[in-house]
C-alpha atoms as a PDB file:
ATOM      1  CA  MET A   1       1.156 -66.597-125.864  1.00  0.00           C
ATOM      2  CA  ARG A   2       1.371 -69.738-123.719  1.00  0.00           C
ATOM      3  CA  ARG A   3      -0.435 -70.026-120.556  1.00  0.00           C
ATOM      4  CA  CYS A   4       2.500 -71.857-118.410  1.00  0.00           C
ATOM      5  CA  ARG A   5       4.094 -72.115-114.868  1.00  0.00           C
ATOM      6  CA  LEU A   6       6.924 -71.069-113.971  1.00  0.00           C
ATOM      7  CA  ARG A   7       9.925 -73.795-112.235  1.00  0.00           C
ATOM      8  CA  ARG A   8      13.484 -71.961-111.878  1.00  0.00           C
ATOM      9  CA  GLY A   9      16.330 -73.710-110.793  1.00  0.00           C
ATOM     10  CA  VAL A  10      15.712 -76.746-112.726  1.00  0.00           C
ATOM     11  CA  GLY A  11      17.283 -79.761-110.883  1.00  0.00           C
ATOM     12  CA  HIS A  12      17.097 -83.291-111.185  1.00  0.00           C
ATOM     13  CA  ALA A  13      13.265 -82.525-109.759  1.00  0.00           C
ATOM     14  CA  GLY A  14      12.679 -79.890-111.503  1.00  0.00           C
ATOM     15  CA  GLY A  15      13.521 -82.098-114.490  1.00  0.00           C
ATOM     16  CA  ASP A  16      11.237 -84.329-113.380  1.00  0.00           C
ATOM     17  CA  HIS A  17       8.296 -82.195-112.407  1.00  0.00           C
ATOM     18  CA  ALA A  18       9.305 -80.794-116.421  1.00  0.00           C
ATOM     19  CA  LYS A  19       8.490 -84.785-117.757  1.00  0.00           C
ATOM     20  CA  ALA A  20       5.284 -85.001-115.442  1.00  0.00           C
ATOM     21  CA  ALA A  21       3.681 -81.814-116.843  1.00  0.00           C
ATOM     22  CA  SER A  22       4.618 -83.068-120.419  1.00  0.00           C
ATOM     23  CA  ASP A  23       3.209 -86.430-120.157  1.00  0.00           C
ATOM     24  CA  LEU A  24       0.001 -84.559-118.146  1.00  0.00           C
ATOM     25  CA  GLY A  25       0.059 -82.014-120.964  1.00  0.00           C
ATOM     26  CA  ILE A  26       0.105 -79.029-118.571  1.00  0.00           C
ATOM     27  CA  GLY A  27       1.627 -75.186-119.767  1.00  0.00           C
ATOM     28  CA  PHE A  28       4.381 -75.724-117.241  1.00  0.00           C
ATOM     29  CA  VAL A  29       8.107 -73.988-118.451  1.00  0.00           C
ATOM     30  CA  GLY A  30      11.629 -75.171-116.854  1.00  0.00           C
ATOM     31  CA  ILE A  31      13.974 -72.227-116.080  1.00  0.00           C
ATOM     32  CA  SER A  32      17.522 -72.594-114.967  1.00  0.00           C
ATOM     33  CA  LEU A  33      21.303 -71.899-115.264  1.00  0.00           C
ATOM     34  CA  PHE A  34      23.208 -73.718-117.506  1.00  0.00           C
ATOM     35  CA  TYR A  35      26.498 -74.935-116.063  1.00  0.00           C
ATOM     36  CA  ARG A  36      29.028 -75.153-118.728  1.00  0.00           C
ATOM     37  CA  GLU A  37      31.165 -77.030-116.475  1.00  0.00           C
ATOM     38  CA  GLY A  38      28.258 -78.515-114.826  1.00  0.00           C
ATOM     39  CA  TYR A  39      28.613 -81.217-111.762  1.00  0.00           C
ATOM     40  CA  PHE A  40      32.265 -82.327-110.601  1.00  0.00           C
ATOM     41  CA  GLN A  41      33.122 -85.711-111.547  1.00  0.00           C
ATOM     42  CA  GLN A  42      35.491 -87.842-108.559  1.00  0.00           C
ATOM     43  CA  ALA A  43      38.871 -90.054-108.638  1.00  0.00           C
ATOM     44  CA  ILE A  44      40.904 -91.179-106.156  1.00  0.00           C
ATOM     45  CA  ASP A  45      44.032 -89.978-106.542  1.00  0.00           C
ATOM     46  CA  PRO A  46      47.577 -91.775-106.152  1.00  0.00           C
ATOM     47  CA  ASN A  47      47.477 -90.837-102.227  1.00  0.00           C
ATOM     48  CA  ASN A  48      44.089 -92.288-102.145  1.00  0.00           C
ATOM     49  CA  TRP A  49      42.608 -88.720-101.990  1.00  0.00           C
ATOM     50  CA  GLN A  50      39.210 -87.219-103.973  1.00  0.00           C
ATOM     51  CA  THR A  51      39.808 -85.364-106.506  1.00  0.00           C
ATOM     52  CA  GLU A  52      37.569 -83.212-108.389  1.00  0.00           C
ATOM     53  CA  TYR A  53      37.590 -82.305-112.096  1.00  0.00           C
ATOM     54  CA  TYR A  54      34.847 -80.328-114.061  1.00  0.00           C
ATOM     55  CA  THR A  55      34.193 -81.224-118.022  1.00  0.00           C
ATOM     56  CA  LEU A  56      33.849 -78.083-120.160  1.00  0.00           C
ATOM     57  CA  LEU A  57      30.160 -78.627-121.920  1.00  0.00           C
ATOM     58  CA  ASN A  58      30.031 -77.430-125.800  1.00  0.00           C
ATOM     59  CA  PRO A  59      26.613 -76.870-126.507  1.00  0.00           C
ATOM     60  CA  LYS A  60      27.150 -77.589-129.939  1.00  0.00           C
ATOM     61  CA  ASN A  61      27.400 -81.438-128.464  1.00  0.00           C
ATOM     62  CA  LEU A  62      24.188 -81.571-126.725  1.00  0.00           C
ATOM     63  CA  PRO A  63      20.769 -81.995-127.101  1.00  0.00           C
ATOM     64  CA  MET A  64      19.908 -78.023-126.587  1.00  0.00           C
ATOM     65  CA  GLU A  65      18.836 -74.496-129.442  1.00  0.00           C
ATOM     66  CA  PRO A  66      20.038 -71.125-128.641  1.00  0.00           C
ATOM     67  CA  VAL A  67      17.014 -68.654-128.561  1.00  0.00           C
ATOM     68  CA  LEU A  68      16.937 -66.737-131.712  1.00  0.00           C
ATOM     69  CA  ASN A  69      15.452 -63.166-132.088  1.00  0.00           C
ATOM     70  CA  GLU A  70      13.475 -62.039-135.592  1.00  0.00           C
ATOM     71  CA  LYS A  71      17.369 -61.736-136.782  1.00  0.00           C
ATOM     72  CA  GLY A  72      17.627 -65.309-136.335  1.00  0.00           C
ATOM     73  CA  GLU A  73      20.523 -64.374-134.083  1.00  0.00           C
ATOM     74  CA  PRO A  74      21.349 -65.613-130.818  1.00  0.00           C
ATOM     75  CA  LEU A  75      17.997 -64.048-128.370  1.00  0.00           C
ATOM     76  CA  VAL A  76      20.684 -61.120-125.700  1.00  0.00           C
ATOM     77  CA  CYS A  77      18.884 -60.188-122.504  1.00  0.00           C
ATOM     78  CA  ARG A  78      20.453 -57.968-120.109  1.00  0.00           C
ATOM     79  CA  VAL A  79      19.359 -58.259-116.075  1.00  0.00           C
ATOM     80  CA  GLU A  80      21.298 -55.441-113.616  1.00  0.00           C
ATOM     81  CA  ILE A  81      23.433 -57.265-110.955  1.00  0.00           C
ATOM     82  CA  GLY A  82      24.853 -54.890-108.537  1.00  0.00           C
ATOM     83  CA  MET A  83      25.859 -51.558-110.436  1.00  0.00           C
ATOM     84  CA  SER A  84      26.439 -54.060-113.725  1.00  0.00           C
ATOM     85  CA  GLN A  85      24.285 -54.381-116.374  1.00  0.00           C
ATOM     86  CA  VAL A  86      24.341 -58.789-117.341  1.00  0.00           C
ATOM     87  CA  ALA A  87      24.096 -59.739-120.934  1.00  0.00           C
ATOM     88  CA  PHE A  88      22.631 -63.253-121.175  1.00  0.00           C
ATOM     89  CA  GLN A  89      21.938 -65.432-123.487  1.00  0.00           C
ATOM     90  CA  THR A  90      19.476 -68.673-123.727  1.00  0.00           C
ATOM     91  CA  TRP A  91      19.600 -72.657-124.434  1.00  0.00           C
ATOM     92  CA  ARG A  92      16.111 -74.149-124.834  1.00  0.00           C
ATOM     93  CA  VAL A  93      16.126 -77.853-124.373  1.00  0.00           C
ATOM     94  CA  ASN A  94      12.718 -79.774-124.861  1.00  0.00           C
ATOM     95  CA  VAL A  95      11.293 -82.256-121.816  1.00  0.00           C
ATOM     96  CA  GLY A  96       8.639 -83.820-124.082  1.00  0.00           C
ATOM     97  CA  ARG A  97       6.569 -81.039-124.477  1.00  0.00           C
ATOM     98  CA  VAL A  98       8.008 -78.921-121.951  1.00  0.00           C
ATOM     99  CA  PRO A  99      10.686 -76.265-122.642  1.00  0.00           C
ATOM    100  CA  VAL A 100      13.080 -75.824-120.176  1.00  0.00           C
ATOM    101  CA  TYR A 101      15.522 -72.524-121.022  1.00  0.00           C
ATOM    102  CA  LEU A 102      19.152 -72.614-119.674  1.00  0.00           C
ATOM    103  CA  MET A 103      20.525 -69.044-119.125  1.00  0.00           C
ATOM    104  CA  ASP A 104      23.876 -68.313-120.016  1.00  0.00           C
ATOM    105  CA  THR A 105      26.340 -65.477-119.450  1.00  0.00           C
ATOM    106  CA  ASN A 106      29.066 -66.941-121.309  1.00  0.00           C
ATOM    107  CA  ARG A 107      28.989 -63.550-123.331  1.00  0.00           C
ATOM    108  CA  PRO A 108      32.264 -61.286-124.533  1.00  0.00           C
ATOM    109  CA  GLU A 109      30.187 -58.361-123.896  1.00  0.00           C
ATOM    110  CA  ASN A 110      30.645 -59.038-119.727  1.00  0.00           C
ATOM    111  CA  GLU A 111      33.610 -59.609-118.240  1.00  0.00           C
ATOM    112  CA  GLN A 112      35.051 -62.364-116.981  1.00  0.00           C
ATOM    113  CA  HIS A 113      33.870 -62.752-113.242  1.00  0.00           C
ATOM    114  CA  VAL A 114      30.669 -61.833-114.786  1.00  0.00           C
ATOM    115  CA  ARG A 115      30.494 -64.868-117.870  1.00  0.00           C
ATOM    116  CA  ASP A 116      31.724 -67.479-114.965  1.00  0.00           C
ATOM    117  CA  LEU A 117      28.418 -67.073-113.162  1.00  0.00           C
ATOM    118  CA  THR A 118      26.845 -70.068-114.821  1.00  0.00           C
ATOM    119  CA  LEU A 119      29.995 -71.679-115.084  1.00  0.00           C
ATOM    120  CA  ARG A 120      29.826 -74.413-111.905  1.00  0.00           C
ATOM    121  CA  VAL A 121      26.743 -75.545-110.386  1.00  0.00           C
ATOM    122  CA  TYR A 122      27.887 -74.527-106.395  1.00  0.00           C
ATOM    123  CA  GLY A 123      31.402 -72.967-107.468  1.00  0.00           C
ATOM    124  CA  GLY A 124      32.429 -69.795-106.085  1.00  0.00           C
ATOM    125  CA  ASP A 125      31.094 -67.613-102.651  1.00  0.00           C
ATOM    126  CA  SER A 126      27.769 -66.301-101.044  1.00  0.00           C
ATOM    127  CA  THR A 127      28.440 -63.426-103.538  1.00  0.00           C
ATOM    128  CA  THR A 128      28.080 -65.355-106.600  1.00  0.00           C
ATOM    129  CA  ARG A 129      25.862 -67.579-105.445  1.00  0.00           C
ATOM    130  CA  ILE A 130      23.321 -64.180-104.764  1.00  0.00           C
ATOM    131  CA  MET A 131      24.631 -62.665-108.542  1.00  0.00           C
ATOM    132  CA  GLN A 132      22.827 -66.280-109.241  1.00  0.00           C
ATOM    133  CA  GLU A 133      20.083 -66.254-107.243  1.00  0.00           C
ATOM    134  CA  VAL A 134      19.241 -62.173-109.173  1.00  0.00           C
ATOM    135  CA  LEU A 135      20.405 -63.739-112.667  1.00  0.00           C
ATOM    136  CA  LEU A 136      17.780 -66.802-112.403  1.00  0.00           C
ATOM    137  CA  GLY A 137      14.966 -65.218-110.693  1.00  0.00           C
ATOM    138  CA  ILE A 138      14.954 -60.975-111.652  1.00  0.00           C
ATOM    139  CA  GLY A 139      16.291 -62.296-115.274  1.00  0.00           C
ATOM    140  CA  ALA A 140      14.608 -64.906-116.099  1.00  0.00           C
ATOM    141  CA  TYR A 141      11.618 -62.534-115.087  1.00  0.00           C
ATOM    142  CA  ALA A 142      12.021 -59.547-117.405  1.00  0.00           C
ATOM    143  CA  CYS A 143      12.642 -62.413-120.402  1.00  0.00           C
ATOM    144  CA  CYS A 144      10.228 -64.668-120.316  1.00  0.00           C
ATOM    145  CA  GLY A 145       7.569 -62.441-122.876  1.00  0.00           C
ATOM    146  CA  ARG A 146      10.092 -62.256-125.539  1.00  0.00           C
ATOM    147  CA  TRP A 147      10.408 -66.845-124.737  1.00  0.00           C
ATOM    148  CA  GLY A 148       7.069 -66.844-125.289  1.00  0.00           C
ATOM    149  CA  CYS A 149       6.179 -67.570-122.369  1.00  0.00           C
ATOM    150  CA  ASN A 150       3.792 -64.726-119.685  1.00  0.00           C
ATOM    151  CA  PRO A 151       4.346 -65.450-116.394  1.00  0.00           C
ATOM    152  CA  ARG A 152       1.407 -63.516-115.472  1.00  0.00           C
ATOM    153  CA  SER A 153      -1.177 -65.307-116.407  1.00  0.00           C
ATOM    154  CA  SER A 154       0.073 -68.421-114.161  1.00  0.00           C
ATOM    155  CA  THR A 155      -1.743 -69.327-111.351  1.00  0.00           C
END
């Protein structure tokens, strides 16, 4: 098992940390959510009002790969959020030599509102945000060992 430092919530600054860790050869793992619609894009409508639109991202068209179990199937982890078991799978993106794991709740066994937890950055209300934090914090910690990382070895 690799010794690693964990960084949750990989945004632009987190990506810079991952690249710097790779350049320095530091054991580092990035963990975030895979937002299928990402950030919104902006346009100006005919009345000169700003409008936003989202583009659905397809993981097959991105430089990422699913984390697989020993049978070669997507590794599915679960975390309890409220009174429900939420299933998520993980995608791996390599930033140099540093793995970044992106958690994705778009699973058929989840109800639609749970599937949408990883739909948009800054989407939803405060309840959605808390559910995302539980997924990112508790879910990532619970699944780290299955990704080959031991967060307890970090100092």
